[in-house]
Amino acid sequence: MFSTHAILSSTTPLDETITGGAPKHGVLSLTIKEKAALYSAYMPFVQGGGLFIPTSKSFKIGDEVFMLLSLLEDPVKLKVVGHVIWITPITQGNRLQGIGVQFSEKDGGIEARNKIEVLLGSALNSARSTHTM
């Protein structure tokens, strides 16, 4: 189950980074408020881009998810369809439990990837670790 508040950055307070609603029928509502949290969650190495989403809810590889993304200060929510391609279980050492979702090449995926990459700018070239690498 998605908690009301989930962290996406180990240096940011829990309730200031990302908030998400409980997924119902594969729908995830996600708000990422800080650039550092977006950097930690974004998966640029995935074809078409993707996001790591902290959750203890059970998903399977290949599950389709519909996301409503709010990024930083932008009031417009992006509607994105994706598929689960990564699962980090609770027993994975120091890694945050959750799923990696690959953006669809249609259904908002290209728009989401482009927007995230513009927001992250030169930070995309950083060597800082993320939730998946």
Protein backbone atom coordinates (compact mmCIF):
# COMPACT_ATOMS: atom_id res chain seq x y z
CA MET A 1 0.00 0.00 0.00
CA PHE A 2 1.25 3.48 -0.79
CA SER A 3 1.72 5.49 2.35
CA THR A 4 0.51 9.06 2.47
CA HIS A 5 4.12 10.19 2.55
CA ALA A 6 7.03 8.35 0.98
CA ILE A 7 10.63 9.50 0.80
CA LEU A 8 12.62 9.72 -2.41
CA SER A 9 15.74 11.35 -1.03
CA SER A 10 17.68 10.31 2.02
CA THR A 11 18.62 13.92 2.72
CA THR A 12 15.11 15.35 2.55
CA PRO A 13 12.51 15.16 5.34
CA LEU A 14 9.94 12.43 4.82
CA ASP A 15 6.86 14.57 4.33
CA GLU A 16 8.48 17.19 2.09
CA THR A 17 9.69 15.06 -0.78
CA ILE A 18 6.88 13.08 -2.35
CA THR A 19 3.30 12.28 -1.54
CA GLY A 20 1.28 9.56 -3.18
CA GLY A 21 -2.22 8.18 -2.94
CA ALA A 22 -3.05 4.53 -2.55
CA PRO A 23 -2.96 2.74 -5.91
CA LYS A 24 -6.34 1.50 -7.02
CA HIS A 25 -6.50 -0.72 -10.07
CA GLY A 26 -2.96 0.29 -11.03
CA VAL A 27 -3.43 4.06 -10.62
CA LEU A 28 -0.66 5.98 -8.84
CA SER A 29 -0.89 9.66 -7.95
CA LEU A 30 2.59 11.04 -7.34
CA THR A 31 3.86 14.48 -6.35
CA ILE A 32 7.60 15.12 -6.38
CA LYS A 33 8.33 18.49 -4.81
CA GLU A 34 12.13 18.71 -4.92
CA LYS A 35 14.72 18.41 -7.68
CA ALA A 36 16.92 16.10 -5.55
CA ALA A 37 13.98 13.73 -5.08
CA LEU A 38 13.25 13.78 -8.81
CA TYR A 39 16.90 12.99 -9.56
CA SER A 40 16.84 10.05 -7.13
CA ALA A 41 13.65 8.65 -8.65
CA TYR A 42 14.29 9.19 -12.38
CA MET A 43 15.64 6.26 -14.41
CA PRO A 44 17.27 7.77 -17.55
CA PHE A 45 18.97 4.46 -18.39
CA VAL A 46 15.57 2.91 -19.16
CA GLN A 47 14.46 3.19 -22.79
CA GLY A 48 11.85 5.95 -22.85
CA GLY A 49 12.62 6.92 -19.24
CA GLY A 50 10.99 5.84 -16.03
CA LEU A 51 10.54 6.51 -12.33
CA PHE A 52 11.24 4.60 -9.15
CA ILE A 53 8.18 4.73 -6.89
CA PRO A 54 8.52 3.77 -3.23
CA THR A 55 5.73 1.42 -2.22
CA SER A 56 5.12 -1.69 -0.19
CA LYS A 57 2.17 -2.61 -2.45
CA SER A 58 2.62 -5.86 -4.33
CA PHE A 59 3.26 -5.52 -8.07
CA LYS A 60 4.55 -7.93 -10.70
CA ILE A 61 6.98 -7.31 -13.54
CA GLY A 62 4.91 -6.24 -16.54
CA ASP A 63 2.00 -4.79 -14.54
CA GLU A 64 0.55 -1.74 -16.28
CA VAL A 65 0.22 1.37 -14.15
CA PHE A 66 -1.43 4.70 -14.80
CA MET A 67 0.36 7.63 -13.15
CA LEU A 68 -0.72 11.16 -12.39
CA LEU A 69 2.56 13.03 -11.89
CA SER A 70 3.02 16.45 -10.32
CA LEU A 71 6.59 17.63 -10.73
CA LEU A 72 8.19 20.33 -8.59
CA GLU A 73 6.14 23.55 -8.66
CA ASP A 74 4.23 22.82 -11.88
CA PRO A 75 0.48 22.75 -11.14
CA VAL A 76 -0.22 20.63 -14.25
CA LYS A 77 -0.45 16.89 -13.58
CA LEU A 78 1.01 14.66 -16.27
CA LYS A 79 -0.99 11.57 -17.19
CA VAL A 80 1.40 8.73 -17.96
CA VAL A 81 0.99 5.03 -18.68
CA GLY A 82 3.86 2.70 -17.84
CA HIS A 83 4.85 -0.84 -16.95
CA VAL A 84 6.62 -2.24 -13.91
CA ILE A 85 10.16 -3.25 -14.93
CA TRP A 86 11.93 -3.17 -11.57
CA ILE A 87 11.02 -4.38 -8.10
CA THR A 88 13.10 -3.66 -5.01
CA PRO A 89 11.86 -5.90 -2.20
CA ILE A 90 11.94 -4.93 1.46
CA THR A 91 14.91 -7.25 2.07
CA GLN A 92 17.21 -5.45 -0.39
CA GLY A 93 19.81 -4.09 2.06
CA ASN A 94 19.84 -0.31 2.31
CA ARG A 95 17.66 0.20 -0.76
CA LEU A 96 14.20 1.72 -0.50
CA GLN A 97 11.39 -0.76 -1.21
CA GLY A 98 9.42 0.04 -4.36
CA ILE A 99 8.95 -0.39 -8.09
CA GLY A 100 10.53 0.99 -11.24
CA VAL A 101 8.03 2.01 -13.90
CA GLN A 102 9.05 2.41 -17.55
CA PHE A 103 7.16 5.15 -19.37
CA SER A 104 5.14 4.09 -22.40
CA GLU A 105 6.34 5.49 -25.74
CA LYS A 106 2.85 6.94 -26.04
CA ASP A 107 0.17 7.78 -23.49
CA GLY A 108 2.16 10.66 -21.94
CA GLY A 109 5.49 8.86 -21.62
CA ILE A 110 7.44 11.01 -24.05
CA GLU A 111 6.04 14.21 -22.51
CA ALA A 112 6.94 13.02 -18.99
CA ARG A 113 10.49 12.03 -19.98
CA ASN A 114 11.09 15.34 -21.78
CA LYS A 115 9.70 17.39 -18.88
CA ILE A 116 11.78 15.51 -16.29
CA GLU A 117 14.96 15.86 -18.34
CA VAL A 118 14.40 19.61 -18.75
CA LEU A 119 13.76 19.98 -15.00
CA LEU A 120 16.89 17.99 -14.12
CA GLY A 121 19.09 19.66 -16.74
CA SER A 122 22.80 19.17 -16.04
CA ALA A 123 22.03 17.11 -12.92
CA LEU A 124 21.42 14.18 -15.30
CA ASN A 125 25.22 13.97 -15.68
CA SER A 126 25.79 13.69 -11.93
CA ALA A 127 27.54 10.68 -10.42
CA ARG A 128 25.33 10.78 -7.30
CA SER A 129 23.59 7.52 -6.53
CA THR A 130 19.87 7.10 -7.05
CA HIS A 131 17.28 4.65 -5.77
CA THR A 132 18.10 2.25 -8.58
CA MET A 133 21.80 2.77 -9.40
